[in-house]
Amino acid sequence: MERKFSRWSLHSRLPRDEPLEAHIRDVLDQLDENAEGFASLSRDYGGCMQLVGYFHERYPGLHFDADLVAGLGRYDLSVDFDFYDLWSDQREGT
């Protein structure tokens, strides 16, 4: 079956153990290298920042300060959160 859509992916360049907000900032920094082009693409095709987190011990929380929100707004990006708690009964000793 032929796909009826395509997608581009741009990933954070930071190590996975960095805070979630730092990963978002890194992707926004990459977009800033061609701000006009990325903003146009996002407006035309519905840009979305997909955040995926796998948490083995605890969810660290997520805080969007005003600069981060402004960065997402510059590119008309929606945000999708897919967070997974990989908690284990064995780790808790029960």
C-alpha atoms as a PDB file:
ATOM      1  CA  MET A   1       0.000   0.000   0.000  1.00  0.00           C
ATOM      2  CA  GLU A   2       1.356   3.397  -0.930  1.00  0.00           C
ATOM      3  CA  ARG A   3       1.577   6.067   1.759  1.00  0.00           C
ATOM      4  CA  LYS A   4      -0.693   9.052   1.344  1.00  0.00           C
ATOM      5  CA  PHE A   5       1.519  11.274   3.509  1.00  0.00           C
ATOM      6  CA  SER A   6       5.138  11.875   4.405  1.00  0.00           C
ATOM      7  CA  ARG A   7       6.949  13.275   7.405  1.00  0.00           C
ATOM      8  CA  TRP A   8      10.211  14.808   8.381  1.00  0.00           C
ATOM      9  CA  SER A   9      11.838  14.134  11.712  1.00  0.00           C
ATOM     10  CA  LEU A  10      14.244  16.401  13.537  1.00  0.00           C
ATOM     11  CA  HIS A  11      15.682  14.984  16.754  1.00  0.00           C
ATOM     12  CA  SER A  12      17.436  16.571  19.677  1.00  0.00           C
ATOM     13  CA  ARG A  13      21.218  16.245  19.614  1.00  0.00           C
ATOM     14  CA  LEU A  14      21.476  16.005  23.406  1.00  0.00           C
ATOM     15  CA  PRO A  15      22.097  12.885  25.504  1.00  0.00           C
ATOM     16  CA  ARG A  16      18.884  11.153  26.541  1.00  0.00           C
ATOM     17  CA  ASP A  17      19.419  11.906  30.237  1.00  0.00           C
ATOM     18  CA  GLU A  18      19.093  15.673  29.736  1.00  0.00           C
ATOM     19  CA  PRO A  19      15.897  17.379  30.960  1.00  0.00           C
ATOM     20  CA  LEU A  20      12.962  17.304  28.548  1.00  0.00           C
ATOM     21  CA  GLU A  21      12.923  21.090  28.290  1.00  0.00           C
ATOM     22  CA  ALA A  22      16.556  21.070  27.117  1.00  0.00           C
ATOM     23  CA  HIS A  23      15.673  18.680  24.281  1.00  0.00           C
ATOM     24  CA  ILE A  24      12.857  20.970  23.177  1.00  0.00           C
ATOM     25  CA  ARG A  25      15.197  23.967  23.223  1.00  0.00           C
ATOM     26  CA  ASP A  26      17.758  22.057  21.145  1.00  0.00           C
ATOM     27  CA  VAL A  27      15.186  21.248  18.466  1.00  0.00           C
ATOM     28  CA  LEU A  28      14.001  24.872  18.459  1.00  0.00           C
ATOM     29  CA  ASP A  29      17.635  26.001  18.084  1.00  0.00           C
ATOM     30  CA  GLN A  30      17.918  23.776  15.013  1.00  0.00           C
ATOM     31  CA  LEU A  31      14.721  25.250  13.567  1.00  0.00           C
ATOM     32  CA  ASP A  32      16.068  28.755  14.187  1.00  0.00           C
ATOM     33  CA  GLU A  33      18.826  28.065  11.624  1.00  0.00           C
ATOM     34  CA  ASN A  34      16.164  28.447   8.904  1.00  0.00           C
ATOM     35  CA  ALA A  35      13.342  30.076  10.841  1.00  0.00           C
ATOM     36  CA  GLU A  36      11.384  31.413   7.861  1.00  0.00           C
ATOM     37  CA  GLY A  37      11.473  28.085   6.003  1.00  0.00           C
ATOM     38  CA  PHE A  38      10.476  25.971   8.995  1.00  0.00           C
ATOM     39  CA  ALA A  39       7.733  28.391  10.046  1.00  0.00           C
ATOM     40  CA  SER A  40       6.273  28.290   6.540  1.00  0.00           C
ATOM     41  CA  LEU A  41       6.352  24.484   6.430  1.00  0.00           C
ATOM     42  CA  SER A  42       4.770  24.212   9.850  1.00  0.00           C
ATOM     43  CA  ARG A  43       1.968  26.627   8.965  1.00  0.00           C
ATOM     44  CA  ASP A  44       1.296  24.925   5.626  1.00  0.00           C
ATOM     45  CA  TYR A  45       1.426  21.330   6.848  1.00  0.00           C
ATOM     46  CA  GLY A  46       0.520  21.436  10.536  1.00  0.00           C
ATOM     47  CA  GLY A  47       3.846  21.089  12.366  1.00  0.00           C
ATOM     48  CA  CYS A  48       3.864  19.043  15.552  1.00  0.00           C
ATOM     49  CA  MET A  49       6.555  18.476  18.153  1.00  0.00           C
ATOM     50  CA  GLN A  50       6.250  14.915  19.389  1.00  0.00           C
ATOM     51  CA  LEU A  51       7.643  14.347  22.883  1.00  0.00           C
ATOM     52  CA  VAL A  52       8.260  10.726  23.835  1.00  0.00           C
ATOM     53  CA  GLY A  53       9.522   9.825  27.288  1.00  0.00           C
ATOM     54  CA  TYR A  54      10.261   6.459  28.880  1.00  0.00           C
ATOM     55  CA  PHE A  55      10.479   6.796  32.641  1.00  0.00           C
ATOM     56  CA  HIS A  56      12.017   3.911  34.585  1.00  0.00           C
ATOM     57  CA  GLU A  57      11.958   5.399  38.053  1.00  0.00           C
ATOM     58  CA  ARG A  58       9.900   8.550  38.295  1.00  0.00           C
ATOM     59  CA  TYR A  59       8.369  11.181  36.066  1.00  0.00           C
ATOM     60  CA  PRO A  60      10.554  14.302  36.407  1.00  0.00           C
ATOM     61  CA  GLY A  61       7.774  16.731  35.521  1.00  0.00           C
ATOM     62  CA  LEU A  62       7.721  19.179  32.667  1.00  0.00           C
ATOM     63  CA  HIS A  63       7.767  22.965  32.796  1.00  0.00           C
ATOM     64  CA  PHE A  64       7.348  25.275  29.801  1.00  0.00           C
ATOM     65  CA  ASP A  65       8.641  28.746  30.618  1.00  0.00           C
ATOM     66  CA  ALA A  66       7.567  31.748  28.537  1.00  0.00           C
ATOM     67  CA  ASP A  67      10.602  31.518  26.207  1.00  0.00           C
ATOM     68  CA  LEU A  68       9.875  27.880  25.436  1.00  0.00           C
ATOM     69  CA  VAL A  69       6.216  28.616  24.717  1.00  0.00           C
ATOM     70  CA  ALA A  70       7.261  31.539  22.485  1.00  0.00           C
ATOM     71  CA  GLY A  71       9.626  29.238  20.582  1.00  0.00           C
ATOM     72  CA  LEU A  72       6.847  26.744  19.912  1.00  0.00           C
ATOM     73  CA  GLY A  73       4.609  29.626  18.878  1.00  0.00           C
ATOM     74  CA  ARG A  74       7.180  30.983  16.395  1.00  0.00           C
ATOM     75  CA  TYR A  75       6.703  27.798  14.395  1.00  0.00           C
ATOM     76  CA  ASP A  76       2.980  27.282  15.046  1.00  0.00           C
ATOM     77  CA  LEU A  77       3.848  23.904  16.532  1.00  0.00           C
ATOM     78  CA  SER A  78       1.324  21.759  18.305  1.00  0.00           C
ATOM     79  CA  VAL A  79       2.789  19.436  20.941  1.00  0.00           C
ATOM     80  CA  ASP A  80       1.978  15.763  21.438  1.00  0.00           C
ATOM     81  CA  PHE A  81       3.048  14.000  24.640  1.00  0.00           C
ATOM     82  CA  ASP A  82       3.611  10.237  24.700  1.00  0.00           C
ATOM     83  CA  PHE A  83       4.997   9.403  28.138  1.00  0.00           C
ATOM     84  CA  TYR A  84       5.459   5.843  29.353  1.00  0.00           C
ATOM     85  CA  ASP A  85       5.950   4.796  32.968  1.00  0.00           C
ATOM     86  CA  LEU A  86       8.088   1.649  32.941  1.00  0.00           C
ATOM     87  CA  TRP A  87       7.626   1.025  36.634  1.00  0.00           C
ATOM     88  CA  SER A  88       8.290  -2.507  37.847  1.00  0.00           C
ATOM     89  CA  ASP A  89       6.927  -4.381  40.877  1.00  0.00           C
ATOM     90  CA  GLN A  90      10.230  -6.275  41.079  1.00  0.00           C
ATOM     91  CA  ARG A  91      12.201  -3.086  41.485  1.00  0.00           C
ATOM     92  CA  GLU A  92      10.029  -2.096  44.431  1.00  0.00           C
ATOM     93  CA  GLY A  93      10.678  -5.457  46.166  1.00  0.00           C
ATOM     94  CA  THR A  94       7.009  -6.492  46.279  1.00  0.00           C
END
